[in-house]
Amino acid sequence: MFDGRKESSDPFEQSVYLLSVLARAAEDGIGERLAARGLDRVHQEVLTVLAQAGPHGRADLVRRIASPDAAAAVDALLARGLVQAMTVHVGGARQEVLMLSPDGQGELTAMHADAAAVQDALMVSFTRGDRAQLNALLRRMHVALGRREGFGSPQSVSRKVRGRDRA
């Protein structure tokens, strides 16, 4: 029987195991919603990088995503009008700079709503206070992981945990 006051000795009830099971459930839920939009996690990451970090040269963006599918994802997003390209001249050379289009921002907003719906489904039994407490604890773990493992900034931790950054 579960006793919330102490940690379980059952390995299948320990936090790390439960976190991995829940992470897979969240990934599956988000993946299904992305697939329904004709997108996947690499597309989402491209849009997120452009939204958070601003315009990027194509090569820099593909390198930053660090996925074998990054170049194809960029091409697909350009074809759908979710990313727009502009050619700039730098030191006599031409470079293609990519930025999030208004439609891309709308798609990213919809992705965030989808993620919130997946989160709500996973946390249906939690009160608002439970959710706030869990979020605070997970954020603390996220920051500590970044410091302890030499991951760098907390913003880059999730990419590195997923194996997207090799630094």
N, C-alpha and C. Protein backbone atom coordinates (compact mmCIF):
# COMPACT_ATOMS: atom_id res chain seq x y z
N MET A 1 0.84 -1.19 0.00
CA MET A 1 0.00 0.00 0.00
C MET A 1 0.88 1.25 0.00
N PHE A 2 0.44 2.25 -0.73
CA PHE A 2 1.21 3.48 -0.85
C PHE A 2 1.10 4.32 0.40
N ASP A 3 2.23 4.74 0.92
CA ASP A 3 2.29 5.64 2.06
C ASP A 3 3.08 6.86 1.61
N GLY A 4 2.41 7.99 1.40
CA GLY A 4 3.04 9.19 0.88
C GLY A 4 4.06 9.82 1.80
N ARG A 5 4.18 9.31 3.04
CA ARG A 5 5.13 9.91 3.97
C ARG A 5 6.53 9.34 3.86
N LYS A 6 6.68 8.22 3.17
CA LYS A 6 8.02 7.65 3.04
C LYS A 6 8.18 7.08 1.63
N GLU A 7 9.43 6.94 1.24
CA GLU A 7 9.72 6.41 -0.09
C GLU A 7 9.52 4.91 -0.10
N SER A 8 8.99 4.40 -1.17
CA SER A 8 8.72 2.97 -1.31
C SER A 8 10.01 2.21 -1.55
N SER A 9 10.07 0.98 -1.08
CA SER A 9 11.21 0.12 -1.37
C SER A 9 10.98 -0.65 -2.67
N ASP A 10 9.76 -0.62 -3.19
CA ASP A 10 9.46 -1.28 -4.46
C ASP A 10 10.11 -0.48 -5.58
N PRO A 11 11.02 -1.10 -6.35
CA PRO A 11 11.71 -0.33 -7.40
C PRO A 11 10.77 0.26 -8.44
N PHE A 12 9.59 -0.34 -8.61
CA PHE A 12 8.64 0.18 -9.59
C PHE A 12 7.80 1.33 -9.04
N GLU A 13 8.02 1.70 -7.79
CA GLU A 13 7.36 2.85 -7.21
C GLU A 13 8.34 3.97 -6.86
N GLN A 14 9.61 3.78 -7.17
CA GLN A 14 10.59 4.82 -6.88
C GLN A 14 10.46 5.96 -7.89
N SER A 15 10.81 7.13 -7.44
CA SER A 15 10.60 8.35 -8.23
C SER A 15 11.18 8.27 -9.63
N VAL A 16 12.40 7.79 -9.77
CA VAL A 16 13.04 7.78 -11.09
C VAL A 16 12.27 6.88 -12.06
N TYR A 17 11.77 5.76 -11.59
CA TYR A 17 11.00 4.88 -12.45
C TYR A 17 9.67 5.54 -12.83
N LEU A 18 9.00 6.10 -11.84
CA LEU A 18 7.72 6.76 -12.10
C LEU A 18 7.89 7.94 -13.06
N LEU A 19 8.97 8.71 -12.87
CA LEU A 19 9.23 9.82 -13.78
C LEU A 19 9.43 9.33 -15.21
N SER A 20 10.14 8.21 -15.38
CA SER A 20 10.38 7.71 -16.73
C SER A 20 9.08 7.22 -17.38
N VAL A 21 8.22 6.57 -16.61
CA VAL A 21 6.94 6.10 -17.14
C VAL A 21 6.06 7.30 -17.54
N LEU A 22 6.02 8.29 -16.66
CA LEU A 22 5.21 9.47 -16.94
C LEU A 22 5.78 10.28 -18.10
N ALA A 23 7.10 10.33 -18.21
CA ALA A 23 7.72 11.04 -19.33
C ALA A 23 7.35 10.37 -20.65
N ARG A 24 7.35 9.04 -20.67
CA ARG A 24 6.95 8.34 -21.90
C ARG A 24 5.48 8.62 -22.23
N ALA A 25 4.63 8.65 -21.21
CA ALA A 25 3.21 8.94 -21.45
C ALA A 25 3.05 10.36 -22.00
N ALA A 26 3.78 11.31 -21.44
CA ALA A 26 3.71 12.68 -21.93
C ALA A 26 4.24 12.77 -23.36
N GLU A 27 5.38 12.12 -23.63
CA GLU A 27 5.95 12.12 -24.99
C GLU A 27 4.97 11.52 -25.99
N ASP A 28 4.34 10.41 -25.60
CA ASP A 28 3.36 9.77 -26.49
C ASP A 28 2.19 10.70 -26.77
N GLY A 29 1.67 11.33 -25.72
CA GLY A 29 0.53 12.24 -25.88
C GLY A 29 0.86 13.43 -26.76
N ILE A 30 2.02 14.02 -26.52
CA ILE A 30 2.43 15.17 -27.33
C ILE A 30 2.74 14.71 -28.76
N GLY A 31 3.40 13.56 -28.89
CA GLY A 31 3.72 13.03 -30.21
C GLY A 31 2.48 12.77 -31.05
N GLU A 32 1.43 12.24 -30.42
CA GLU A 32 0.17 12.00 -31.14
C GLU A 32 -0.44 13.31 -31.62
N ARG A 33 -0.40 14.32 -30.78
CA ARG A 33 -0.98 15.61 -31.16
C ARG A 33 -0.17 16.28 -32.26
N LEU A 34 1.16 16.16 -32.18
CA LEU A 34 1.99 16.70 -33.25
C LEU A 34 1.73 15.96 -34.56
N ALA A 35 1.64 14.64 -34.49
CA ALA A 35 1.40 13.85 -35.70
C ALA A 35 0.07 14.24 -36.35
N ALA A 36 -0.93 14.55 -35.53
CA ALA A 36 -2.22 14.97 -36.08
C ALA A 36 -2.09 16.29 -36.85
N ARG A 37 -1.06 17.06 -36.54
CA ARG A 37 -0.79 18.32 -37.25
C ARG A 37 0.19 18.12 -38.40
N GLY A 38 0.63 16.87 -38.58
CA GLY A 38 1.62 16.58 -39.62
C GLY A 38 3.02 17.00 -39.23
N LEU A 39 3.28 17.04 -37.93
CA LEU A 39 4.57 17.48 -37.40
C LEU A 39 5.13 16.45 -36.43
N ASP A 40 6.39 16.67 -36.03
CA ASP A 40 6.99 15.81 -35.01
C ASP A 40 7.84 16.67 -34.08
N ARG A 41 8.57 16.03 -33.18
CA ARG A 41 9.36 16.76 -32.18
C ARG A 41 10.45 17.62 -32.80
N VAL A 42 11.03 17.19 -33.91
CA VAL A 42 12.08 17.99 -34.55
C VAL A 42 11.47 19.28 -35.10
N HIS A 43 10.30 19.18 -35.73
CA HIS A 43 9.61 20.40 -36.20
C HIS A 43 9.34 21.33 -35.02
N GLN A 44 8.86 20.75 -33.93
CA GLN A 44 8.57 21.56 -32.75
C GLN A 44 9.83 22.24 -32.22
N GLU A 45 10.92 21.52 -32.23
CA GLU A 45 12.16 22.11 -31.72
C GLU A 45 12.65 23.25 -32.61
N VAL A 46 12.54 23.09 -33.92
CA VAL A 46 12.92 24.17 -34.84
C VAL A 46 12.09 25.42 -34.56
N LEU A 47 10.78 25.26 -34.46
CA LEU A 47 9.91 26.41 -34.18
C LEU A 47 10.24 27.03 -32.83
N THR A 48 10.51 26.20 -31.83
CA THR A 48 10.82 26.69 -30.49
C THR A 48 12.12 27.48 -30.48
N VAL A 49 13.15 26.97 -31.13
CA VAL A 49 14.43 27.69 -31.18
C VAL A 49 14.25 29.04 -31.85
N LEU A 50 13.53 29.07 -32.97
CA LEU A 50 13.32 30.34 -33.66
C LEU A 50 12.50 31.31 -32.82
N ALA A 51 11.54 30.80 -32.06
CA ALA A 51 10.72 31.66 -31.20
C ALA A 51 11.53 32.19 -30.01
N GLN A 52 12.36 31.35 -29.43
CA GLN A 52 13.09 31.74 -28.22
C GLN A 52 14.39 32.48 -28.52
N ALA A 53 15.08 32.07 -29.55
CA ALA A 53 16.41 32.63 -29.82
C ALA A 53 16.45 33.56 -31.03
N GLY A 54 15.36 33.65 -31.77
CA GLY A 54 15.30 34.56 -32.90
C GLY A 54 15.88 33.95 -34.17
N PRO A 55 15.99 34.78 -35.21
CA PRO A 55 16.45 34.30 -36.51
C PRO A 55 17.82 33.62 -36.44
N HIS A 56 17.98 32.61 -37.29
CA HIS A 56 19.23 31.84 -37.37
C HIS A 56 19.59 31.62 -38.82
N GLY A 57 20.89 31.55 -39.10
CA GLY A 57 21.33 31.05 -40.39
C GLY A 57 20.93 29.58 -40.48
N ARG A 58 20.63 29.12 -41.68
CA ARG A 58 20.16 27.74 -41.86
C ARG A 58 21.15 26.74 -41.25
N ALA A 59 22.42 26.85 -41.59
CA ALA A 59 23.41 25.90 -41.09
C ALA A 59 23.51 25.93 -39.56
N ASP A 60 23.46 27.13 -38.99
CA ASP A 60 23.52 27.25 -37.53
C ASP A 60 22.30 26.61 -36.87
N LEU A 61 21.15 26.80 -37.47
CA LEU A 61 19.92 26.23 -36.91
C LEU A 61 19.97 24.71 -36.96
N VAL A 62 20.34 24.16 -38.09
CA VAL A 62 20.43 22.70 -38.22
C VAL A 62 21.44 22.14 -37.24
N ARG A 63 22.57 22.81 -37.09
CA ARG A 63 23.60 22.37 -36.14
C ARG A 63 23.08 22.45 -34.70
N ARG A 64 22.35 23.50 -34.39
CA ARG A 64 21.82 23.67 -33.03
C ARG A 64 20.79 22.60 -32.69
N ILE A 65 19.96 22.21 -33.65
CA ILE A 65 18.96 21.17 -33.42
C ILE A 65 19.64 19.82 -33.23
N ALA A 66 20.74 19.58 -33.94
CA ALA A 66 21.56 18.38 -33.78
C ALA A 66 20.76 17.09 -33.91
N SER A 67 19.90 17.05 -34.89
CA SER A 67 19.14 15.84 -35.21
C SER A 67 19.41 15.51 -36.67
N PRO A 68 19.51 14.22 -37.01
CA PRO A 68 19.70 13.88 -38.41
C PRO A 68 18.55 14.35 -39.30
N ASP A 69 17.40 14.63 -38.71
CA ASP A 69 16.23 15.06 -39.46
C ASP A 69 16.05 16.58 -39.48
N ALA A 70 16.99 17.32 -38.92
CA ALA A 70 16.82 18.77 -38.77
C ALA A 70 16.70 19.48 -40.12
N ALA A 71 17.56 19.16 -41.08
CA ALA A 71 17.51 19.84 -42.38
C ALA A 71 16.19 19.57 -43.09
N ALA A 72 15.72 18.33 -43.05
CA ALA A 72 14.44 18.00 -43.68
C ALA A 72 13.29 18.70 -42.96
N ALA A 73 13.38 18.80 -41.64
CA ALA A 73 12.33 19.49 -40.87
C ALA A 73 12.28 20.96 -41.25
N VAL A 74 13.43 21.59 -41.39
CA VAL A 74 13.48 23.01 -41.80
C VAL A 74 12.84 23.16 -43.18
N ASP A 75 13.19 22.29 -44.12
CA ASP A 75 12.61 22.36 -45.46
C ASP A 75 11.09 22.20 -45.42
N ALA A 76 10.61 21.26 -44.61
CA ALA A 76 9.16 21.02 -44.50
C ALA A 76 8.45 22.24 -43.90
N LEU A 77 9.06 22.85 -42.90
CA LEU A 77 8.46 24.03 -42.27
C LEU A 77 8.45 25.21 -43.23
N LEU A 78 9.50 25.35 -44.03
CA LEU A 78 9.53 26.39 -45.06
C LEU A 78 8.43 26.16 -46.08
N ALA A 79 8.27 24.92 -46.52
CA ALA A 79 7.24 24.60 -47.52
C ALA A 79 5.83 24.87 -47.01
N ARG A 80 5.63 24.69 -45.71
CA ARG A 80 4.31 24.93 -45.11
C ARG A 80 4.10 26.39 -44.72
N GLY A 81 5.14 27.21 -44.86
CA GLY A 81 5.01 28.62 -44.51
C GLY A 81 5.08 28.89 -43.02
N LEU A 82 5.55 27.94 -42.25
CA LEU A 82 5.67 28.13 -40.79
C LEU A 82 6.99 28.80 -40.43
N VAL A 83 7.94 28.72 -41.34
CA VAL A 83 9.23 29.40 -41.22
C VAL A 83 9.42 30.17 -42.51
N GLN A 84 10.01 31.33 -42.41
CA GLN A 84 10.29 32.12 -43.61
C GLN A 84 11.79 32.37 -43.71
N ALA A 85 12.25 32.52 -44.93
CA ALA A 85 13.68 32.72 -45.19
C ALA A 85 13.92 34.08 -45.81
N MET A 86 15.07 34.62 -45.49
CA MET A 86 15.50 35.89 -46.05
C MET A 86 16.98 35.74 -46.38
N THR A 87 17.39 36.21 -47.53
CA THR A 87 18.79 36.14 -47.91
C THR A 87 19.47 37.45 -47.51
N VAL A 88 20.58 37.32 -46.81
CA VAL A 88 21.36 38.49 -46.40
C VAL A 88 22.77 38.35 -46.97
N HIS A 89 23.42 39.47 -47.16
CA HIS A 89 24.79 39.48 -47.67
C HIS A 89 25.71 39.86 -46.51
N VAL A 90 26.62 38.94 -46.20
CA VAL A 90 27.56 39.16 -45.10
C VAL A 90 28.97 39.01 -45.65
N GLY A 91 29.72 40.11 -45.66
CA GLY A 91 31.10 40.05 -46.13
C GLY A 91 31.25 39.50 -47.54
N GLY A 92 30.36 39.85 -48.42
CA GLY A 92 30.43 39.40 -49.79
C GLY A 92 29.81 38.03 -50.04
N ALA A 93 29.41 37.36 -48.98
CA ALA A 93 28.77 36.04 -49.12
C ALA A 93 27.29 36.17 -48.80
N ARG A 94 26.52 35.30 -49.44
CA ARG A 94 25.08 35.28 -49.19
C ARG A 94 24.79 34.21 -48.14
N GLN A 95 23.88 34.54 -47.25
CA GLN A 95 23.47 33.58 -46.24
C GLN A 95 21.95 33.62 -46.11
N GLU A 96 21.36 32.45 -45.97
CA GLU A 96 19.92 32.35 -45.77
C GLU A 96 19.64 32.40 -44.27
N VAL A 97 18.83 33.36 -43.87
CA VAL A 97 18.45 33.52 -42.47
C VAL A 97 16.99 33.08 -42.34
N LEU A 98 16.75 32.22 -41.37
CA LEU A 98 15.40 31.69 -41.14
C LEU A 98 14.79 32.33 -39.92
N MET A 99 13.48 32.58 -40.00
CA MET A 99 12.76 33.15 -38.86
C MET A 99 11.36 32.55 -38.82
N LEU A 100 10.77 32.63 -37.67
CA LEU A 100 9.42 32.15 -37.47
C LEU A 100 8.44 33.06 -38.19
N SER A 101 7.54 32.48 -38.96
CA SER A 101 6.51 33.27 -39.64
C SER A 101 5.33 33.45 -38.69
N PRO A 102 4.41 34.36 -39.01
CA PRO A 102 3.21 34.49 -38.18
C PRO A 102 2.44 33.17 -38.09
N ASP A 103 2.35 32.42 -39.19
CA ASP A 103 1.68 31.12 -39.15
C ASP A 103 2.45 30.15 -38.25
N GLY A 104 3.78 30.24 -38.26
CA GLY A 104 4.60 29.39 -37.40
C GLY A 104 4.37 29.72 -35.93
N GLN A 105 4.23 31.02 -35.62
CA GLN A 105 3.93 31.42 -34.24
C GLN A 105 2.57 30.88 -33.83
N GLY A 106 1.60 30.93 -34.74
CA GLY A 106 0.27 30.37 -34.45
C GLY A 106 0.34 28.87 -34.20
N GLU A 107 1.14 28.16 -35.00
CA GLU A 107 1.30 26.71 -34.83
C GLU A 107 1.97 26.41 -33.50
N LEU A 108 2.97 27.18 -33.12
CA LEU A 108 3.65 26.99 -31.85
C LEU A 108 2.69 27.24 -30.68
N THR A 109 1.84 28.24 -30.81
CA THR A 109 0.83 28.52 -29.78
C THR A 109 -0.12 27.33 -29.65
N ALA A 110 -0.52 26.76 -30.78
CA ALA A 110 -1.39 25.57 -30.75
C ALA A 110 -0.67 24.38 -30.11
N MET A 111 0.63 24.24 -30.39
CA MET A 111 1.42 23.16 -29.77
C MET A 111 1.44 23.32 -28.25
N HIS A 112 1.58 24.56 -27.79
CA HIS A 112 1.58 24.81 -26.35
C HIS A 112 0.23 24.45 -25.74
N ALA A 113 -0.84 24.74 -26.44
CA ALA A 113 -2.18 24.37 -25.97
C ALA A 113 -2.32 22.85 -25.93
N ASP A 114 -1.78 22.17 -26.94
CA ASP A 114 -1.80 20.71 -26.94
C ASP A 114 -1.01 20.15 -25.75
N ALA A 115 0.14 20.72 -25.49
CA ALA A 115 0.96 20.26 -24.36
C ALA A 115 0.21 20.48 -23.04
N ALA A 116 -0.48 21.60 -22.93
CA ALA A 116 -1.27 21.86 -21.72
C ALA A 116 -2.39 20.83 -21.57
N ALA A 117 -3.01 20.43 -22.67
CA ALA A 117 -4.07 19.42 -22.62
C ALA A 117 -3.51 18.06 -22.19
N VAL A 118 -2.33 17.71 -22.69
CA VAL A 118 -1.68 16.46 -22.28
C VAL A 118 -1.35 16.53 -20.79
N GLN A 119 -0.82 17.66 -20.36
CA GLN A 119 -0.50 17.85 -18.95
C GLN A 119 -1.76 17.72 -18.09
N ASP A 120 -2.84 18.35 -18.52
CA ASP A 120 -4.09 18.27 -17.76
C ASP A 120 -4.58 16.83 -17.64
N ALA A 121 -4.43 16.06 -18.72
CA ALA A 121 -4.85 14.66 -18.68
C ALA A 121 -3.99 13.85 -17.71
N LEU A 122 -2.69 14.13 -17.67
CA LEU A 122 -1.80 13.41 -16.76
C LEU A 122 -2.01 13.82 -15.31
N MET A 123 -2.44 15.05 -15.09
CA MET A 123 -2.57 15.58 -13.73
C MET A 123 -4.02 15.76 -13.30
N VAL A 124 -4.90 15.00 -13.90
CA VAL A 124 -6.33 15.16 -13.64
C VAL A 124 -6.67 15.03 -12.15
N SER A 125 -5.94 14.22 -11.42
CA SER A 125 -6.26 14.01 -10.01
C SER A 125 -5.58 15.01 -9.07
N PHE A 126 -4.83 15.95 -9.63
CA PHE A 126 -4.10 16.91 -8.80
C PHE A 126 -4.92 18.18 -8.58
N THR A 127 -4.77 18.74 -7.40
CA THR A 127 -5.34 20.06 -7.13
C THR A 127 -4.39 21.11 -7.73
N ARG A 128 -4.84 22.34 -7.78
CA ARG A 128 -3.99 23.43 -8.26
C ARG A 128 -2.72 23.52 -7.41
N GLY A 129 -2.86 23.35 -6.10
CA GLY A 129 -1.70 23.37 -5.20
C GLY A 129 -0.74 22.22 -5.47
N ASP A 130 -1.29 21.02 -5.73
CA ASP A 130 -0.45 19.87 -6.07
C ASP A 130 0.37 20.17 -7.32
N ARG A 131 -0.29 20.75 -8.31
CA ARG A 131 0.39 21.05 -9.57
C ARG A 131 1.50 22.07 -9.36
N ALA A 132 1.22 23.09 -8.57
CA ALA A 132 2.23 24.11 -8.30
C ALA A 132 3.41 23.51 -7.55
N GLN A 133 3.12 22.65 -6.58
CA GLN A 133 4.19 22.02 -5.81
C GLN A 133 5.04 21.11 -6.70
N LEU A 134 4.39 20.30 -7.53
CA LEU A 134 5.13 19.42 -8.43
C LEU A 134 5.98 20.24 -9.39
N ASN A 135 5.42 21.30 -9.95
CA ASN A 135 6.17 22.14 -10.88
C ASN A 135 7.40 22.73 -10.20
N ALA A 136 7.24 23.21 -8.97
CA ALA A 136 8.37 23.79 -8.23
C ALA A 136 9.45 22.74 -8.00
N LEU A 137 9.06 21.53 -7.62
CA LEU A 137 10.04 20.47 -7.38
C LEU A 137 10.75 20.06 -8.67
N LEU A 138 10.01 19.93 -9.75
CA LEU A 138 10.62 19.55 -11.02
C LEU A 138 11.56 20.64 -11.53
N ARG A 139 11.18 21.89 -11.36
CA ARG A 139 12.06 22.99 -11.77
C ARG A 139 13.35 22.98 -10.96
N ARG A 140 13.25 22.70 -9.67
CA ARG A 140 14.45 22.59 -8.83
C ARG A 140 15.35 21.47 -9.32
N MET A 141 14.76 20.32 -9.66
CA MET A 141 15.53 19.19 -10.18
C MET A 141 16.18 19.57 -11.51
N HIS A 142 15.45 20.26 -12.35
CA HIS A 142 15.94 20.67 -13.66
C HIS A 142 17.17 21.55 -13.52
N VAL A 143 17.10 22.54 -12.65
CA VAL A 143 18.22 23.46 -12.43
C VAL A 143 19.39 22.71 -11.81
N ALA A 144 19.12 21.85 -10.82
CA ALA A 144 20.19 21.10 -10.16
C ALA A 144 20.88 20.16 -11.15
N LEU A 145 20.13 19.55 -12.03
CA LEU A 145 20.72 18.66 -13.03
C LEU A 145 21.68 19.45 -13.92
N GLY A 146 21.28 20.64 -14.29
CA GLY A 146 22.14 21.48 -15.11
C GLY A 146 23.44 21.82 -14.43
N ARG A 147 23.40 22.12 -13.16
CA ARG A 147 24.61 22.47 -12.41
C ARG A 147 25.47 21.24 -12.17
N ARG A 148 24.87 20.17 -11.71
CA ARG A 148 25.60 18.98 -11.30
C ARG A 148 26.27 18.28 -12.49
N GLU A 149 25.59 18.21 -13.59
CA GLU A 149 26.10 17.47 -14.73
C GLU A 149 26.89 18.34 -15.70
N GLY A 150 27.06 19.62 -15.38
CA GLY A 150 27.77 20.50 -16.29
C GLY A 150 27.01 20.72 -17.59
N PHE A 151 25.71 20.68 -17.51
CA PHE A 151 24.88 20.80 -18.71
C PHE A 151 24.83 22.22 -19.25
N GLY A 152 25.16 23.20 -18.43
CA GLY A 152 25.05 24.57 -18.91
C GLY A 152 23.77 25.20 -18.41
N SER A 153 23.21 26.08 -19.21
CA SER A 153 22.03 26.82 -18.78
C SER A 153 20.84 25.88 -18.63
N PRO A 154 19.92 26.20 -17.70
CA PRO A 154 18.73 25.37 -17.54
C PRO A 154 17.93 25.23 -18.83
N GLN A 155 17.97 26.25 -19.71
CA GLN A 155 17.22 26.18 -20.96
C GLN A 155 17.74 25.07 -21.87
N SER A 156 19.03 24.75 -21.76
CA SER A 156 19.61 23.74 -22.65
C SER A 156 19.56 22.35 -22.06
N VAL A 157 19.19 22.21 -20.79
CA VAL A 157 19.22 20.91 -20.14
C VAL A 157 18.33 19.91 -20.86
N SER A 158 17.11 20.29 -21.20
CA SER A 158 16.19 19.31 -21.79
C SER A 158 16.71 18.81 -23.13
N ARG A 159 17.34 19.67 -23.94
CA ARG A 159 17.91 19.19 -25.20
C ARG A 159 19.03 18.20 -24.95
N LYS A 160 19.86 18.47 -23.94
CA LYS A 160 20.98 17.59 -23.65
C LYS A 160 20.51 16.26 -23.07
N VAL A 161 19.50 16.30 -22.23
CA VAL A 161 18.96 15.07 -21.67
C VAL A 161 18.41 14.20 -22.77
N ARG A 162 17.78 14.81 -23.78
CA ARG A 162 17.23 14.04 -24.90
C ARG A 162 18.32 13.64 -25.88
N GLY A 163 19.58 14.05 -25.62
CA GLY A 163 20.67 13.63 -26.48
C GLY A 163 20.86 14.50 -27.71
N ARG A 164 20.29 15.69 -27.71
CA ARG A 164 20.38 16.54 -28.89
C ARG A 164 21.64 17.41 -28.88
N ASP A 165 22.21 17.67 -27.69
CA ASP A 165 23.46 18.43 -27.60
C ASP A 165 24.55 17.46 -27.21
N ARG A 166 25.64 17.51 -27.89
CA ARG A 166 26.74 16.59 -27.60
C ARG A 166 27.88 17.27 -26.87
N ALA A 167 27.72 18.55 -26.55
CA ALA A 167 28.80 19.31 -25.91
C ALA A 167 29.02 18.89 -24.49
